Amino acid sequence: MDANTKQTNKSHRVQKTGAGGKNKKRDKREKKKNGGVSTKGNKGNNPKAFAMQSGLRANRMAQRRIEKNERKLHLPLVDRTPEVPPPIG
């Protein structure tokens, strides 16, 4: 590079293929189909899919979590005082 030439960097190229490109194309297509409204991240279609599945399992997990926290609180401390004092030299 000479002293009087200006450096030109490559500009950013938008991803056209692969996962990112396919998703963008799909989103554009869906948006056009739905009249300009995006349906991305819509959990309202099936509320049962995101509800609690088992009350019994939830109770067990809650009890386990409580017991685990209690074990942490009541852990017996180890006596670390040495029986023989260190040698003084």
N, C-alpha and C. Protein backbone atom coordinates (compact mmCIF):
# COMPACT_ATOMS: atom_id res chain seq x y z
N MET A 1 0.84 -1.18 0.00
CA MET A 1 0.00 0.00 0.00
C MET A 1 0.88 1.24 0.00
N ASP A 2 0.57 2.13 -0.89
CA ASP A 2 1.30 3.39 -0.97
C ASP A 2 0.77 4.36 0.06
N ALA A 3 1.51 5.41 0.24
CA ALA A 3 1.11 6.41 1.23
C ALA A 3 -0.11 7.21 0.78
N ASN A 4 -0.33 7.32 -0.53
CA ASN A 4 -1.42 8.17 -1.01
C ASN A 4 -2.68 7.38 -1.38
N THR A 5 -2.67 6.04 -1.28
CA THR A 5 -3.89 5.26 -1.58
C THR A 5 -4.66 5.02 -0.28
N LYS A 6 -5.96 5.05 -0.42
CA LYS A 6 -6.82 4.86 0.75
C LYS A 6 -7.23 3.40 0.86
N GLN A 7 -7.25 2.87 2.07
CA GLN A 7 -7.62 1.48 2.30
C GLN A 7 -9.13 1.31 2.16
N THR A 8 -9.54 0.27 1.43
CA THR A 8 -10.97 -0.02 1.29
C THR A 8 -11.23 -1.40 1.87
N ASN A 9 -12.12 -1.47 2.81
CA ASN A 9 -12.48 -2.74 3.44
C ASN A 9 -13.69 -3.33 2.74
N LYS A 10 -13.79 -4.66 2.79
CA LYS A 10 -14.95 -5.32 2.21
C LYS A 10 -16.18 -5.01 3.06
N SER A 11 -17.30 -4.80 2.39
CA SER A 11 -18.53 -4.52 3.12
C SER A 11 -19.14 -5.83 3.60
N HIS A 12 -20.02 -5.73 4.58
CA HIS A 12 -20.67 -6.92 5.15
C HIS A 12 -21.64 -7.51 4.15
N ARG A 13 -21.59 -8.84 4.01
CA ARG A 13 -22.52 -9.52 3.12
C ARG A 13 -23.55 -10.26 3.96
N VAL A 14 -24.80 -10.04 3.67
CA VAL A 14 -25.89 -10.67 4.40
C VAL A 14 -25.93 -12.16 4.05
N GLN A 15 -26.18 -13.01 5.04
CA GLN A 15 -26.21 -14.45 4.84
C GLN A 15 -27.42 -14.83 3.99
N LYS A 16 -27.15 -15.58 2.91
CA LYS A 16 -28.22 -15.97 2.00
C LYS A 16 -28.52 -17.46 2.06
N THR A 17 -27.54 -18.27 2.47
CA THR A 17 -27.74 -19.71 2.55
C THR A 17 -27.50 -20.17 3.98
N GLY A 18 -27.79 -21.43 4.25
CA GLY A 18 -27.59 -21.96 5.59
C GLY A 18 -28.78 -21.68 6.47
N ALA A 19 -28.61 -21.94 7.76
CA ALA A 19 -29.73 -21.82 8.71
C ALA A 19 -30.25 -20.39 8.78
N GLY A 20 -29.35 -19.42 8.90
CA GLY A 20 -29.78 -18.02 9.04
C GLY A 20 -30.52 -17.53 7.81
N GLY A 21 -29.99 -17.84 6.63
CA GLY A 21 -30.62 -17.40 5.40
C GLY A 21 -31.97 -18.04 5.19
N LYS A 22 -32.07 -19.33 5.47
CA LYS A 22 -33.34 -20.04 5.29
C LYS A 22 -34.39 -19.48 6.24
N ASN A 23 -33.98 -19.19 7.47
CA ASN A 23 -34.94 -18.66 8.45
C ASN A 23 -35.45 -17.30 8.01
N LYS A 24 -34.56 -16.46 7.48
CA LYS A 24 -34.98 -15.13 7.04
C LYS A 24 -35.96 -15.24 5.88
N LYS A 25 -35.63 -16.15 4.93
CA LYS A 25 -36.53 -16.34 3.79
C LYS A 25 -37.89 -16.84 4.26
N ARG A 26 -37.88 -17.81 5.20
CA ARG A 26 -39.13 -18.37 5.70
C ARG A 26 -39.95 -17.30 6.42
N ASP A 27 -39.27 -16.47 7.23
CA ASP A 27 -39.97 -15.42 7.96
C ASP A 27 -40.62 -14.43 7.00
N LYS A 28 -39.88 -14.06 5.93
CA LYS A 28 -40.44 -13.14 4.94
C LYS A 28 -41.68 -13.75 4.29
N ARG A 29 -41.57 -15.04 3.93
CA ARG A 29 -42.66 -15.74 3.26
C ARG A 29 -43.89 -15.81 4.17
N GLU A 30 -43.68 -16.15 5.46
CA GLU A 30 -44.80 -16.25 6.41
C GLU A 30 -45.42 -14.88 6.66
N LYS A 31 -44.57 -13.86 6.73
CA LYS A 31 -45.07 -12.52 6.99
C LYS A 31 -45.95 -12.05 5.82
N LYS A 32 -45.49 -12.36 4.60
CA LYS A 32 -46.27 -11.98 3.42
C LYS A 32 -47.60 -12.73 3.40
N LYS A 33 -47.56 -14.01 3.78
CA LYS A 33 -48.76 -14.85 3.78
C LYS A 33 -49.77 -14.37 4.82
N ASN A 34 -49.27 -13.90 5.97
CA ASN A 34 -50.15 -13.48 7.07
C ASN A 34 -50.52 -12.01 7.01
N GLY A 35 -50.26 -11.37 5.91
CA GLY A 35 -50.64 -9.96 5.76
C GLY A 35 -49.75 -9.03 6.55
N GLY A 36 -48.46 -9.33 6.62
CA GLY A 36 -47.51 -8.43 7.28
C GLY A 36 -47.37 -8.65 8.77
N VAL A 37 -47.99 -9.69 9.32
CA VAL A 37 -47.91 -9.97 10.75
C VAL A 37 -47.01 -11.18 10.97
N SER A 38 -46.01 -11.03 11.83
CA SER A 38 -45.10 -12.13 12.11
C SER A 38 -45.70 -13.05 13.17
N THR A 39 -45.56 -14.37 12.96
CA THR A 39 -46.07 -15.33 13.94
C THR A 39 -44.92 -16.01 14.67
N LYS A 40 -43.75 -15.44 14.60
CA LYS A 40 -42.56 -16.04 15.22
C LYS A 40 -42.70 -15.99 16.74
N GLY A 41 -42.44 -17.12 17.41
CA GLY A 41 -42.49 -17.17 18.87
C GLY A 41 -43.89 -17.15 19.43
N ASN A 42 -44.86 -17.64 18.70
CA ASN A 42 -46.25 -17.61 19.15
C ASN A 42 -46.56 -18.87 19.94
N LYS A 43 -46.68 -18.75 21.27
CA LYS A 43 -46.99 -19.90 22.11
C LYS A 43 -48.49 -20.04 22.34
N GLY A 44 -49.28 -19.16 21.80
CA GLY A 44 -50.71 -19.17 22.06
C GLY A 44 -51.48 -20.25 21.34
N ASN A 45 -50.86 -20.93 20.38
CA ASN A 45 -51.59 -21.94 19.61
C ASN A 45 -51.92 -23.17 20.44
N ASN A 46 -51.01 -23.59 21.32
CA ASN A 46 -51.24 -24.80 22.11
C ASN A 46 -50.81 -24.54 23.56
N PRO A 47 -51.69 -23.96 24.37
CA PRO A 47 -51.30 -23.65 25.75
C PRO A 47 -51.02 -24.89 26.60
N LYS A 48 -51.61 -26.04 26.23
CA LYS A 48 -51.38 -27.26 27.01
C LYS A 48 -49.93 -27.72 26.92
N ALA A 49 -49.27 -27.39 25.83
CA ALA A 49 -47.89 -27.83 25.63
C ALA A 49 -46.94 -27.18 26.62
N PHE A 50 -47.31 -26.03 27.15
CA PHE A 50 -46.43 -25.30 28.05
C PHE A 50 -46.94 -25.31 29.49
N ALA A 51 -47.95 -26.10 29.77
CA ALA A 51 -48.49 -26.19 31.12
C ALA A 51 -47.74 -27.25 31.91
N MET A 52 -47.94 -27.25 33.23
CA MET A 52 -47.33 -28.26 34.08
C MET A 52 -47.92 -29.62 33.73
N GLN A 53 -47.06 -30.63 33.57
CA GLN A 53 -47.52 -31.94 33.12
C GLN A 53 -47.99 -32.83 34.27
N SER A 54 -47.24 -32.81 35.39
CA SER A 54 -47.57 -33.73 36.47
C SER A 54 -47.50 -32.99 37.81
N GLY A 55 -48.62 -32.97 38.52
CA GLY A 55 -48.64 -32.34 39.84
C GLY A 55 -47.85 -33.14 40.85
N LEU A 56 -47.90 -34.47 40.74
CA LEU A 56 -47.17 -35.35 41.66
C LEU A 56 -45.66 -35.11 41.52
N ARG A 57 -45.20 -35.04 40.29
CA ARG A 57 -43.77 -34.82 40.06
C ARG A 57 -43.35 -33.44 40.57
N ALA A 58 -44.20 -32.44 40.39
CA ALA A 58 -43.90 -31.10 40.87
C ALA A 58 -43.77 -31.09 42.39
N ASN A 59 -44.67 -31.82 43.08
CA ASN A 59 -44.60 -31.90 44.54
C ASN A 59 -43.32 -32.58 44.99
N ARG A 60 -42.95 -33.67 44.30
CA ARG A 60 -41.72 -34.39 44.64
C ARG A 60 -40.50 -33.49 44.46
N MET A 61 -40.47 -32.76 43.36
CA MET A 61 -39.32 -31.89 43.09
C MET A 61 -39.24 -30.75 44.10
N ALA A 62 -40.40 -30.22 44.50
CA ALA A 62 -40.41 -29.16 45.50
C ALA A 62 -39.89 -29.69 46.83
N GLN A 63 -40.34 -30.89 47.22
CA GLN A 63 -39.88 -31.49 48.47
C GLN A 63 -38.38 -31.75 48.43
N ARG A 64 -37.90 -32.25 47.29
CA ARG A 64 -36.47 -32.53 47.13
C ARG A 64 -35.66 -31.24 47.26
N ARG A 65 -36.15 -30.17 46.65
CA ARG A 65 -35.45 -28.88 46.71
C ARG A 65 -35.38 -28.37 48.15
N ILE A 66 -36.48 -28.53 48.90
CA ILE A 66 -36.51 -28.09 50.30
C ILE A 66 -35.53 -28.90 51.13
N GLU A 67 -35.53 -30.23 50.96
CA GLU A 67 -34.62 -31.09 51.71
C GLU A 67 -33.17 -30.79 51.39
N LYS A 68 -32.90 -30.51 50.13
CA LYS A 68 -31.53 -30.19 49.71
C LYS A 68 -31.03 -28.92 50.40
N ASN A 69 -31.90 -27.90 50.45
CA ASN A 69 -31.52 -26.65 51.12
C ASN A 69 -31.31 -26.86 52.62
N GLU A 70 -32.14 -27.69 53.24
CA GLU A 70 -31.99 -27.97 54.67
C GLU A 70 -30.68 -28.69 54.96
N ARG A 71 -30.30 -29.63 54.08
CA ARG A 71 -29.03 -30.34 54.26
C ARG A 71 -27.86 -29.37 54.23
N LYS A 72 -27.95 -28.38 53.37
CA LYS A 72 -26.88 -27.38 53.29
C LYS A 72 -26.80 -26.58 54.58
N LEU A 73 -27.96 -26.29 55.18
CA LEU A 73 -27.97 -25.49 56.40
C LEU A 73 -27.44 -26.26 57.60
N HIS A 74 -27.75 -27.55 57.69
CA HIS A 74 -27.43 -28.34 58.87
C HIS A 74 -26.23 -29.24 58.69
N LEU A 75 -25.35 -28.91 57.78
CA LEU A 75 -24.17 -29.72 57.55
C LEU A 75 -23.24 -29.61 58.75
N PRO A 76 -22.85 -30.74 59.36
CA PRO A 76 -21.96 -30.66 60.53
C PRO A 76 -20.57 -30.16 60.12
N LEU A 77 -20.04 -29.23 60.90
CA LEU A 77 -18.73 -28.66 60.60
C LEU A 77 -17.63 -29.57 61.13
N VAL A 78 -16.56 -29.69 60.35
CA VAL A 78 -15.43 -30.53 60.74
C VAL A 78 -14.52 -29.71 61.64
N ASP A 79 -14.06 -30.34 62.76
CA ASP A 79 -13.14 -29.67 63.68
C ASP A 79 -11.75 -29.70 63.06
N ARG A 80 -11.24 -28.53 62.67
CA ARG A 80 -9.96 -28.47 61.97
C ARG A 80 -8.81 -28.03 62.88
N THR A 81 -9.04 -27.98 64.17
CA THR A 81 -7.94 -27.60 65.06
C THR A 81 -6.94 -28.75 65.15
N PRO A 82 -5.66 -28.47 65.01
CA PRO A 82 -4.67 -29.56 65.06
C PRO A 82 -4.52 -30.10 66.48
N GLU A 83 -4.31 -31.42 66.58
CA GLU A 83 -4.15 -32.05 67.89
C GLU A 83 -2.77 -31.73 68.47
N VAL A 84 -1.79 -31.67 67.60
CA VAL A 84 -0.42 -31.36 68.03
C VAL A 84 -0.07 -30.00 67.45
N PRO A 85 0.44 -29.08 68.26
CA PRO A 85 0.79 -27.77 67.73
C PRO A 85 1.96 -27.88 66.74
N PRO A 86 2.08 -26.96 65.81
CA PRO A 86 3.15 -27.02 64.82
C PRO A 86 4.51 -26.79 65.48
N PRO A 87 5.55 -27.40 64.92
CA PRO A 87 6.89 -27.21 65.50
C PRO A 87 7.38 -25.78 65.28
N ILE A 88 7.99 -25.24 66.30
CA ILE A 88 8.54 -23.89 66.20
C ILE A 88 10.04 -24.03 65.98
N GLY A 89 10.53 -23.50 64.90
CA GLY A 89 11.92 -23.74 64.59
C GLY A 89 12.72 -22.57 64.26
